[in-house]
Amino acid sequence: MMNILALLQCIQPYLSKTDLRRMSRIMQAMLSMTGRVTMLGLSRWAGKGGSYRTVQRFFNAAIPWREVFGKFFEQHLYQPEGEYFLVGDESVVTKSGKETHGLDYFFSGLRNRVVKGIAIFSLSLVSVEERRSYPLQVEQVVRSEAEKAAAKARKKKLVKKDKAAPKKKRGRPKGSQNRDKTQVELTPELKRIQKMVKNQLEALQNLVTVRYLALDGHFGNNNALQMILQCGLHLISKLRHDAALYFIYDGEQRRKGPRRKYGQKIDYRNIPQKYLVATSTQGHIQTRIYQAQMLHRGFAQVLNVVVITKTELKTGAFACVNLFSSDLELSYEKIIDFYSLRFQIEFNFRDAKQFWGLEDFMNTKEIPLTNALNLSLFMVNVSQVLLREFRQTNPDSGI
């Protein structure tokens, strides 16, 4: 087995010699052990110098994980000639009990319902050439009372209104004024993510030039877009399949009055041929890709939209996906490729849960819990370094 202590020498400036030695013992145990990755389990597999008390001391130490992730990536995973972009996503881990720090109810995409547990938000750097994601920052999502109250208020607004309630008049209310859509009030969630993104960009400024951040459809809205633009990045995300998009008006303008911006509203089954950029047929499925600069009444800026439509030629069944970017010059191939690569962060979460204890921890206090969460994602990067060498003689091997 590779000398783990030698592999960790690059992060020595951020950890004491004692913590570094403890960390190497714990990582060797994680690589060797079977069963749940808990402190007790680790102590049983750590061997000499890895008692339960030693493991406990490590998990109670304050560790600058962002610097540890960054230095390890720079030393062992960074390819100077490679192209990179950021991705972010949230993962939910179910937990019972009452004492775990940050315990709350979160929506789980895997279970498609709200579950009791903890949530983490991770930022990863994706290598376009390697088609792989490397976690760089992990933070637990701890919602304040004000954030919970705001969520409840939004939920009440979505409840169907009483049919007996008087209907609003059509048209714009008298006295209403245009508002600047670039000036938005960020939610606590967006503020938390913005802080993470700015800290990550500051850490990467002398290493990698990052221009894009890919997020899932939850962030396909104007508030998220303005937050990303404030960080100096472009957003790549997804809109609703039935988003009300408009082509830019290119007809004759009136001599007086406001200039017309919005052209024809998109009909997804009859998009003009001039926007068609690619077409293919596989079996009975015809795929068409369209790209256009379009407007959405909820967004402040023009969007670079890529519409992917699929039609079943026998039955006529139809479906579409709407991807977009705030970079108007980005090609449709890169928008599709970058958004597809966003899913690599899901493999990070899968490996961390399946192999490195992201779902096994028994810690309840803030510092031990933070260390457990970060260590599981850090092991994703360590495993990639070990596999890179091991696959030279065993090309089909996995974790």
Protein backbone atom coordinates (compact mmCIF):
# COMPACT_ATOMS: atom_id res chain seq x y z
CA MET A 1 0.00 0.00 0.00
CA MET A 2 1.17 3.53 -0.78
CA ASN A 3 2.67 5.46 2.12
CA ILE A 4 -0.25 7.68 3.17
CA LEU A 5 1.95 9.84 5.40
CA ALA A 6 4.15 10.72 2.42
CA LEU A 7 1.05 11.53 0.37
CA LEU A 8 -0.09 14.01 3.05
CA GLN A 9 3.20 15.88 3.42
CA CYS A 10 1.90 18.66 1.15
CA ILE A 11 -0.74 19.66 3.75
CA GLN A 12 1.76 19.73 6.63
CA PRO A 13 1.67 23.57 6.90
CA TYR A 14 -2.01 23.39 7.93
CA LEU A 15 -1.88 20.54 10.47
CA SER A 16 0.35 19.79 13.42
CA LYS A 17 2.64 16.76 13.13
CA THR A 18 0.47 14.93 15.64
CA ASP A 19 -2.76 15.59 13.71
CA LEU A 20 -1.05 14.64 10.44
CA ARG A 21 0.08 11.33 11.90
CA ARG A 22 -3.40 10.67 13.32
CA MET A 23 -4.94 11.50 9.95
CA SER A 24 -2.68 9.05 8.11
CA ARG A 25 -3.62 6.29 10.59
CA ILE A 26 -7.33 6.98 10.14
CA MET A 27 -7.05 7.07 6.34
CA GLN A 28 -5.20 3.75 6.25
CA ALA A 29 -7.94 2.27 8.40
CA MET A 30 -10.62 3.65 6.04
CA LEU A 31 -8.84 2.07 3.07
CA SER A 32 -8.61 -1.31 4.81
CA MET A 33 -11.77 -1.67 6.85
CA THR A 34 -15.13 -3.25 6.19
CA GLY A 35 -18.39 -2.23 7.81
CA ARG A 36 -19.52 1.22 8.93
CA VAL A 37 -16.97 4.03 9.06
CA THR A 38 -17.44 5.23 12.64
CA MET A 39 -14.86 6.33 15.22
CA LEU A 40 -15.16 2.98 16.98
CA GLY A 41 -14.80 1.09 13.70
CA LEU A 42 -11.77 3.16 12.71
CA SER A 43 -10.05 2.49 16.05
CA ARG A 44 -10.46 -1.27 15.52
CA TRP A 45 -8.72 -1.14 12.14
CA ALA A 46 -6.13 1.60 12.79
CA GLY A 47 -3.64 -0.72 14.48
CA LYS A 48 -0.88 0.47 16.79
CA GLY A 49 -1.10 4.18 17.52
CA GLY A 50 -4.75 4.40 16.47
CA SER A 51 -6.69 3.89 19.68
CA TYR A 52 -10.25 5.15 20.11
CA ARG A 53 -8.96 8.08 22.14
CA THR A 54 -6.52 9.00 19.35
CA VAL A 55 -9.34 8.90 16.78
CA GLN A 56 -11.51 10.98 19.10
CA ARG A 57 -8.80 13.61 19.52
CA PHE A 58 -8.43 13.93 15.74
CA PHE A 59 -12.15 14.45 15.20
CA ASN A 60 -12.20 17.14 17.91
CA ALA A 61 -9.32 19.11 16.35
CA ALA A 62 -9.96 22.34 14.41
CA ILE A 63 -8.80 21.65 10.84
CA PRO A 64 -8.72 24.27 8.02
CA TRP A 65 -10.32 21.97 5.48
CA ARG A 66 -10.58 24.46 2.62
CA GLU A 67 -6.81 24.96 2.64
CA VAL A 68 -6.25 21.20 3.02
CA PHE A 69 -8.46 20.42 0.01
CA GLY A 70 -6.83 23.15 -2.09
CA LYS A 71 -3.22 22.19 -1.36
CA PHE A 72 -3.85 18.48 -1.92
CA PHE A 73 -5.55 19.22 -5.26
CA GLU A 74 -2.71 21.50 -6.34
CA GLN A 75 -0.03 18.95 -5.45
CA HIS A 76 -1.58 15.70 -6.68
CA LEU A 77 -4.55 16.33 -9.01
CA TYR A 78 -4.02 19.62 -10.85
CA GLN A 79 -3.15 19.49 -14.57
CA PRO A 80 -1.72 22.88 -15.66
CA GLU A 81 -2.84 22.49 -19.27
CA GLY A 82 -6.36 21.39 -18.33
CA GLU A 83 -9.67 23.29 -18.50
CA TYR A 84 -11.69 23.54 -15.29
CA PHE A 85 -15.01 24.95 -14.10
CA LEU A 86 -16.87 24.95 -10.79
CA VAL A 87 -19.94 22.93 -9.92
CA GLY A 88 -22.03 23.04 -6.76
CA ASP A 89 -24.71 20.82 -5.31
CA GLU A 90 -26.43 19.86 -2.09
CA SER A 91 -26.66 16.38 -0.60
CA VAL A 92 -28.93 15.18 2.22
CA VAL A 93 -27.97 12.51 4.77
CA THR A 94 -30.79 11.04 6.83
CA LYS A 95 -30.31 11.10 10.62
CA SER A 96 -32.50 10.23 13.58
CA GLY A 97 -32.26 11.48 17.14
CA LYS A 98 -32.38 15.06 18.40
CA GLU A 99 -28.83 16.12 19.28
CA THR A 100 -26.99 16.22 15.92
CA HIS A 101 -25.78 19.70 15.01
CA GLY A 102 -27.86 21.22 12.19
CA LEU A 103 -30.50 18.47 12.31
CA ASP A 104 -33.55 19.57 10.34
CA TYR A 105 -36.00 18.54 7.63
CA PHE A 106 -34.63 18.72 4.07
CA PHE A 107 -35.92 17.68 0.68
CA SER A 108 -34.15 14.55 -0.57
CA GLY A 109 -34.03 14.15 -4.34
CA LEU A 110 -33.24 10.44 -4.03
CA ARG A 111 -36.34 9.78 -1.94
CA ASN A 112 -38.37 12.54 -3.59
CA ARG A 113 -39.71 13.73 -0.24
CA VAL A 114 -38.74 15.71 2.85
CA VAL A 115 -36.63 13.71 5.30
CA LYS A 116 -35.10 14.32 8.71
CA GLY A 117 -31.34 14.65 8.57
CA ILE A 118 -28.50 17.01 7.76
CA ALA A 119 -27.58 18.68 4.47
CA ILE A 120 -24.21 19.66 3.03
CA PHE A 121 -23.36 21.93 0.12
CA SER A 122 -20.19 21.12 -1.80
CA LEU A 123 -18.17 23.01 -4.40
CA SER A 124 -16.08 20.92 -6.76
CA LEU A 125 -13.71 21.65 -9.61
CA VAL A 126 -14.43 19.63 -12.74
CA SER A 127 -11.68 18.73 -15.20
CA VAL A 128 -13.11 18.83 -18.73
CA GLU A 129 -10.35 16.60 -20.11
CA GLU A 130 -10.47 14.00 -17.32
CA ARG A 131 -14.29 14.12 -17.07
CA ARG A 132 -13.97 14.01 -13.30
CA SER A 133 -14.97 16.15 -10.32
CA TYR A 134 -12.73 16.97 -7.35
CA PRO A 135 -14.35 18.33 -4.15
CA LEU A 136 -12.71 21.49 -2.82
CA GLN A 137 -15.09 22.84 -0.19
CA VAL A 138 -17.81 21.31 1.98
CA GLU A 139 -20.15 23.17 4.32
CA GLN A 140 -23.03 21.95 6.40
CA VAL A 141 -26.34 23.67 5.72
CA VAL A 142 -27.58 25.07 9.04
CA ARG A 143 -30.77 27.07 8.60
CA SER A 144 -31.55 29.93 10.95
CA GLU A 145 -34.98 30.52 12.47
CA ALA A 146 -35.51 33.43 10.08
CA GLU A 147 -34.74 31.19 7.10
CA LYS A 148 -37.19 28.55 8.33
CA ALA A 149 -39.89 31.20 8.78
CA ALA A 150 -39.31 32.51 5.25
CA ALA A 151 -39.61 28.99 3.83
CA LYS A 152 -42.93 28.49 5.63
CA ALA A 153 -44.20 31.82 4.30
CA ARG A 154 -43.30 30.82 0.72
CA LYS A 155 -45.08 27.50 1.18
CA LYS A 156 -48.26 29.26 2.29
CA LYS A 157 -48.24 31.38 -0.86
CA LEU A 158 -48.21 28.24 -2.98
CA VAL A 159 -51.34 26.88 -1.31
CA LYS A 160 -54.30 27.09 -3.65
CA LYS A 161 -56.39 30.18 -2.97
CA ASP A 162 -60.02 29.97 -1.96
CA LYS A 163 -62.26 30.02 -5.04
CA ALA A 164 -64.59 32.44 -3.27
CA ALA A 165 -61.84 35.06 -2.98
CA PRO A 166 -62.28 38.01 -5.38
CA LYS A 167 -60.18 37.78 -8.53
CA LYS A 168 -57.62 40.47 -9.31
CA LYS A 169 -58.23 42.82 -12.22
CA ARG A 170 -56.34 42.16 -15.41
CA GLY A 171 -53.42 44.36 -16.31
CA ARG A 172 -50.84 46.28 -14.38
CA PRO A 173 -51.89 47.93 -11.08
CA LYS A 174 -52.03 51.72 -11.11
CA GLY A 175 -48.98 53.46 -9.72
CA SER A 176 -46.65 50.46 -10.13
CA GLN A 177 -43.15 51.21 -11.37
CA ASN A 178 -40.53 49.29 -13.28
CA ARG A 179 -37.92 47.70 -11.03
CA ASP A 180 -34.30 46.97 -11.76
CA LYS A 181 -34.11 43.18 -11.95
CA THR A 182 -30.35 43.25 -11.46
CA GLN A 183 -30.90 44.56 -7.91
CA VAL A 184 -32.14 41.52 -6.02
CA GLU A 185 -32.38 40.61 -2.37
CA LEU A 186 -30.47 37.37 -1.90
CA THR A 187 -31.98 34.65 0.22
CA PRO A 188 -29.93 33.20 3.12
CA GLU A 189 -29.26 30.16 0.93
CA LEU A 190 -27.83 32.27 -1.91
CA LYS A 191 -25.78 34.38 0.51
CA ARG A 192 -24.27 31.21 1.97
CA ILE A 193 -23.38 29.88 -1.49
CA GLN A 194 -22.02 33.25 -2.64
CA LYS A 195 -19.68 33.37 0.35
CA MET A 196 -18.42 29.87 -0.45
CA VAL A 197 -17.88 30.74 -4.13
CA LYS A 198 -15.97 33.94 -3.35
CA ASN A 199 -13.74 32.14 -0.84
CA GLN A 200 -13.06 29.39 -3.36
CA LEU A 201 -12.22 31.81 -6.16
CA GLU A 202 -9.82 33.62 -3.85
CA ALA A 203 -8.09 30.32 -3.04
CA LEU A 204 -7.82 29.40 -6.74
CA GLN A 205 -6.80 32.77 -8.16
CA ASN A 206 -3.09 31.89 -8.47
CA LEU A 207 -3.74 28.37 -9.75
CA VAL A 208 -6.79 28.04 -12.03
CA THR A 209 -8.78 30.54 -14.08
CA VAL A 210 -12.44 29.72 -13.55
CA ARG A 211 -15.17 31.34 -15.67
CA TYR A 212 -18.23 29.16 -15.16
CA LEU A 213 -20.29 27.72 -12.33
CA ALA A 214 -22.76 24.94 -13.18
CA LEU A 215 -25.76 24.45 -10.89
CA ASP A 216 -28.90 22.34 -11.19
CA GLY A 217 -32.37 23.56 -12.14
CA HIS A 218 -33.12 24.72 -8.59
CA PHE A 219 -30.88 27.72 -9.38
CA GLY A 220 -32.37 28.43 -12.80
CA ASN A 221 -33.75 31.82 -11.73
CA ASN A 222 -32.81 35.48 -11.82
CA ASN A 223 -31.76 35.75 -8.16
CA ALA A 224 -29.25 32.92 -8.52
CA LEU A 225 -27.98 34.37 -11.80
CA GLN A 226 -27.37 37.80 -10.25
CA MET A 227 -25.59 36.18 -7.31
CA ILE A 228 -23.22 34.31 -9.66
CA LEU A 229 -22.58 37.43 -11.77
CA GLN A 230 -21.66 39.34 -8.60
CA CYS A 231 -18.95 36.70 -8.05
CA GLY A 232 -17.49 37.43 -11.51
CA LEU A 233 -18.62 34.10 -13.02
CA HIS A 234 -21.11 32.95 -15.65
CA LEU A 235 -23.94 30.60 -14.70
CA ILE A 236 -24.79 27.39 -16.56
CA SER A 237 -28.09 25.91 -15.42
CA LYS A 238 -31.48 24.59 -16.52
CA LEU A 239 -34.89 26.21 -16.98
CA ARG A 240 -38.31 24.60 -16.66
CA HIS A 241 -39.30 22.49 -19.65
CA ASP A 242 -42.22 24.86 -20.26
CA ALA A 243 -40.40 28.14 -19.54
CA ALA A 244 -42.04 31.19 -21.14
CA LEU A 245 -39.16 32.28 -23.38
CA TYR A 246 -39.33 35.00 -26.04
CA PHE A 247 -37.22 35.62 -29.11
CA ILE A 248 -35.63 39.07 -29.29
CA TYR A 249 -37.82 41.42 -31.33
CA ASP A 250 -36.08 42.40 -34.59
CA GLY A 251 -38.92 44.12 -36.42
CA GLU A 252 -39.56 47.79 -37.05
CA GLN A 253 -39.77 49.97 -33.93
CA ARG A 254 -42.35 52.67 -33.29
CA ARG A 255 -41.20 56.26 -33.67
CA LYS A 256 -42.60 57.19 -30.27
CA GLY A 257 -42.92 55.35 -27.01
CA PRO A 258 -40.85 52.57 -25.47
CA ARG A 259 -38.84 50.28 -27.70
CA ARG A 260 -40.21 46.78 -28.10
CA LYS A 261 -37.97 44.03 -26.66
CA TYR A 262 -40.03 40.87 -26.67
CA GLY A 263 -40.69 39.12 -29.93
CA GLN A 264 -42.59 35.91 -30.59
CA LYS A 265 -43.10 33.54 -27.66
CA ILE A 266 -41.45 30.18 -28.18
CA ASP A 267 -43.50 27.23 -29.37
CA TYR A 268 -41.36 24.24 -28.48
CA ARG A 269 -42.93 22.05 -31.17
CA ASN A 270 -42.41 24.64 -33.90
CA ILE A 271 -39.09 26.41 -33.32
CA PRO A 272 -37.88 28.28 -36.46
CA GLN A 273 -35.38 26.34 -38.54
CA LYS A 274 -32.79 29.15 -38.45
CA TYR A 275 -32.10 28.30 -34.80
CA LEU A 276 -31.50 24.58 -35.49
CA VAL A 277 -27.83 23.70 -34.90
CA ALA A 278 -27.85 19.89 -34.79
CA THR A 279 -30.16 16.97 -35.48
CA SER A 280 -29.84 13.20 -35.12
CA THR A 281 -32.02 10.10 -35.17
CA GLN A 282 -31.43 6.99 -33.09
CA GLY A 283 -33.96 4.23 -33.58
CA HIS A 284 -37.37 5.90 -33.46
CA ILE A 285 -36.14 8.90 -31.43
CA GLN A 286 -35.33 12.12 -33.27
CA THR A 287 -33.22 14.65 -31.39
CA ARG A 288 -33.02 18.32 -32.40
CA ILE A 289 -30.85 20.96 -30.77
CA TYR A 290 -31.64 24.68 -31.08
CA GLN A 291 -29.62 27.66 -29.84
CA ALA A 292 -30.77 31.26 -29.60
CA GLN A 293 -30.37 34.40 -27.53
CA MET A 294 -33.71 34.73 -25.79
CA LEU A 295 -35.56 36.76 -23.18
CA HIS A 296 -37.46 35.66 -20.09
CA ARG A 297 -39.64 38.13 -18.21
CA GLY A 298 -38.24 36.95 -14.91
CA PHE A 299 -34.59 37.57 -15.87
CA ALA A 300 -32.74 40.86 -16.17
CA GLN A 301 -30.35 39.76 -18.95
CA VAL A 302 -30.58 38.16 -22.35
CA LEU A 303 -29.96 34.41 -22.02
CA ASN A 304 -27.99 32.05 -24.22
CA VAL A 305 -30.55 29.23 -24.45
CA VAL A 306 -30.06 25.71 -25.78
CA VAL A 307 -33.27 23.75 -26.36
CA ILE A 308 -32.96 19.98 -26.78
CA THR A 309 -36.12 18.36 -28.14
CA LYS A 310 -36.81 14.64 -28.52
CA THR A 311 -39.66 13.25 -30.62
CA GLU A 312 -40.82 9.64 -30.82
CA LEU A 313 -41.44 9.29 -34.56
CA LYS A 314 -44.02 6.50 -34.26
CA THR A 315 -46.23 7.93 -31.52
CA GLY A 316 -45.39 11.63 -31.76
CA ALA A 317 -44.51 11.80 -28.05
CA PHE A 318 -42.51 14.96 -27.36
CA ALA A 319 -40.17 16.19 -24.62
CA CYS A 320 -37.68 19.02 -24.29
CA VAL A 321 -34.90 20.27 -22.01
CA ASN A 322 -33.92 23.95 -21.70
CA LEU A 323 -30.33 24.74 -20.74
CA PHE A 324 -29.00 28.27 -20.52
CA SER A 325 -25.91 30.33 -19.79
CA SER A 326 -25.32 33.99 -19.04
CA ASP A 327 -22.32 33.88 -21.43
CA LEU A 328 -23.83 34.82 -24.79
CA GLU A 329 -20.74 33.64 -26.70
CA LEU A 330 -20.64 30.10 -25.30
CA SER A 331 -21.32 27.40 -27.93
CA TYR A 332 -24.16 24.93 -27.56
CA GLU A 333 -21.67 22.02 -27.39
CA LYS A 334 -19.99 23.48 -24.32
CA ILE A 335 -23.27 24.35 -22.58
CA ILE A 336 -24.47 20.77 -23.01
CA ASP A 337 -21.07 19.30 -22.11
CA PHE A 338 -20.56 21.43 -19.00
CA TYR A 339 -24.08 20.81 -17.70
CA SER A 340 -23.66 17.07 -18.31
CA LEU A 341 -20.36 17.13 -16.38
CA ARG A 342 -22.14 18.79 -13.47
CA PHE A 343 -23.41 15.31 -12.61
CA GLN A 344 -19.86 14.24 -11.68
CA ILE A 345 -20.39 15.84 -8.27
CA GLU A 346 -23.16 13.29 -7.69
CA PHE A 347 -20.55 10.54 -8.08
CA ASN A 348 -18.48 12.30 -5.40
CA PHE A 349 -21.44 12.08 -3.02
CA ARG A 350 -22.08 8.46 -4.00
CA ASP A 351 -18.47 7.42 -3.28
CA ALA A 352 -18.39 9.38 -0.03
CA LYS A 353 -21.58 7.67 1.17
CA GLN A 354 -20.77 4.20 -0.11
CA PHE A 355 -17.10 3.95 0.87
CA TRP A 356 -15.95 6.82 3.10
CA GLY A 357 -18.57 7.12 5.83
CA LEU A 358 -20.68 10.10 4.81
CA GLU A 359 -23.77 8.21 6.01
CA ASP A 360 -22.09 6.34 8.89
CA PHE A 361 -20.88 9.06 11.27
CA MET A 362 -22.16 9.06 14.85
CA ASN A 363 -20.83 12.53 15.75
CA THR A 364 -23.33 15.04 17.08
CA LYS A 365 -21.29 18.14 17.99
CA GLU A 366 -20.30 20.77 15.44
CA ILE A 367 -16.51 20.31 15.19
CA PRO A 368 -16.45 16.47 15.12
CA LEU A 369 -19.34 16.49 12.64
CA THR A 370 -17.58 19.02 10.39
CA ASN A 371 -14.44 16.88 10.40
CA ALA A 372 -16.39 13.71 9.60
CA LEU A 373 -18.17 15.34 6.64
CA ASN A 374 -15.02 16.88 5.22
CA LEU A 375 -12.91 13.75 5.73
CA SER A 376 -15.37 11.62 3.75
CA LEU A 377 -15.21 14.02 0.76
CA PHE A 378 -11.44 14.42 1.14
CA MET A 379 -11.08 10.65 0.81
CA VAL A 380 -12.75 10.92 -2.61
CA ASN A 381 -9.74 12.93 -3.81
CA VAL A 382 -7.23 10.65 -2.04
CA SER A 383 -8.80 7.58 -3.66
CA GLN A 384 -8.43 9.16 -7.10
CA VAL A 385 -4.70 9.68 -6.53
CA LEU A 386 -4.28 6.07 -5.42
CA LEU A 387 -6.37 4.71 -8.30
CA ARG A 388 -4.43 6.73 -10.88
CA GLU A 389 -1.27 4.77 -10.06
CA PHE A 390 -3.02 1.44 -9.43
CA ARG A 391 -4.85 1.53 -12.78
CA GLN A 392 -1.56 1.56 -14.67
CA THR A 393 -1.32 -2.17 -13.97
CA ASN A 394 -5.02 -2.84 -13.24
CA PRO A 395 -6.95 -0.65 -15.71
CA ASP A 396 -10.43 -1.95 -14.78
CA SER A 397 -10.08 -1.50 -11.02
CA GLY A 398 -12.39 0.66 -8.92
CA ILE A 399 -12.54 1.88 -5.35
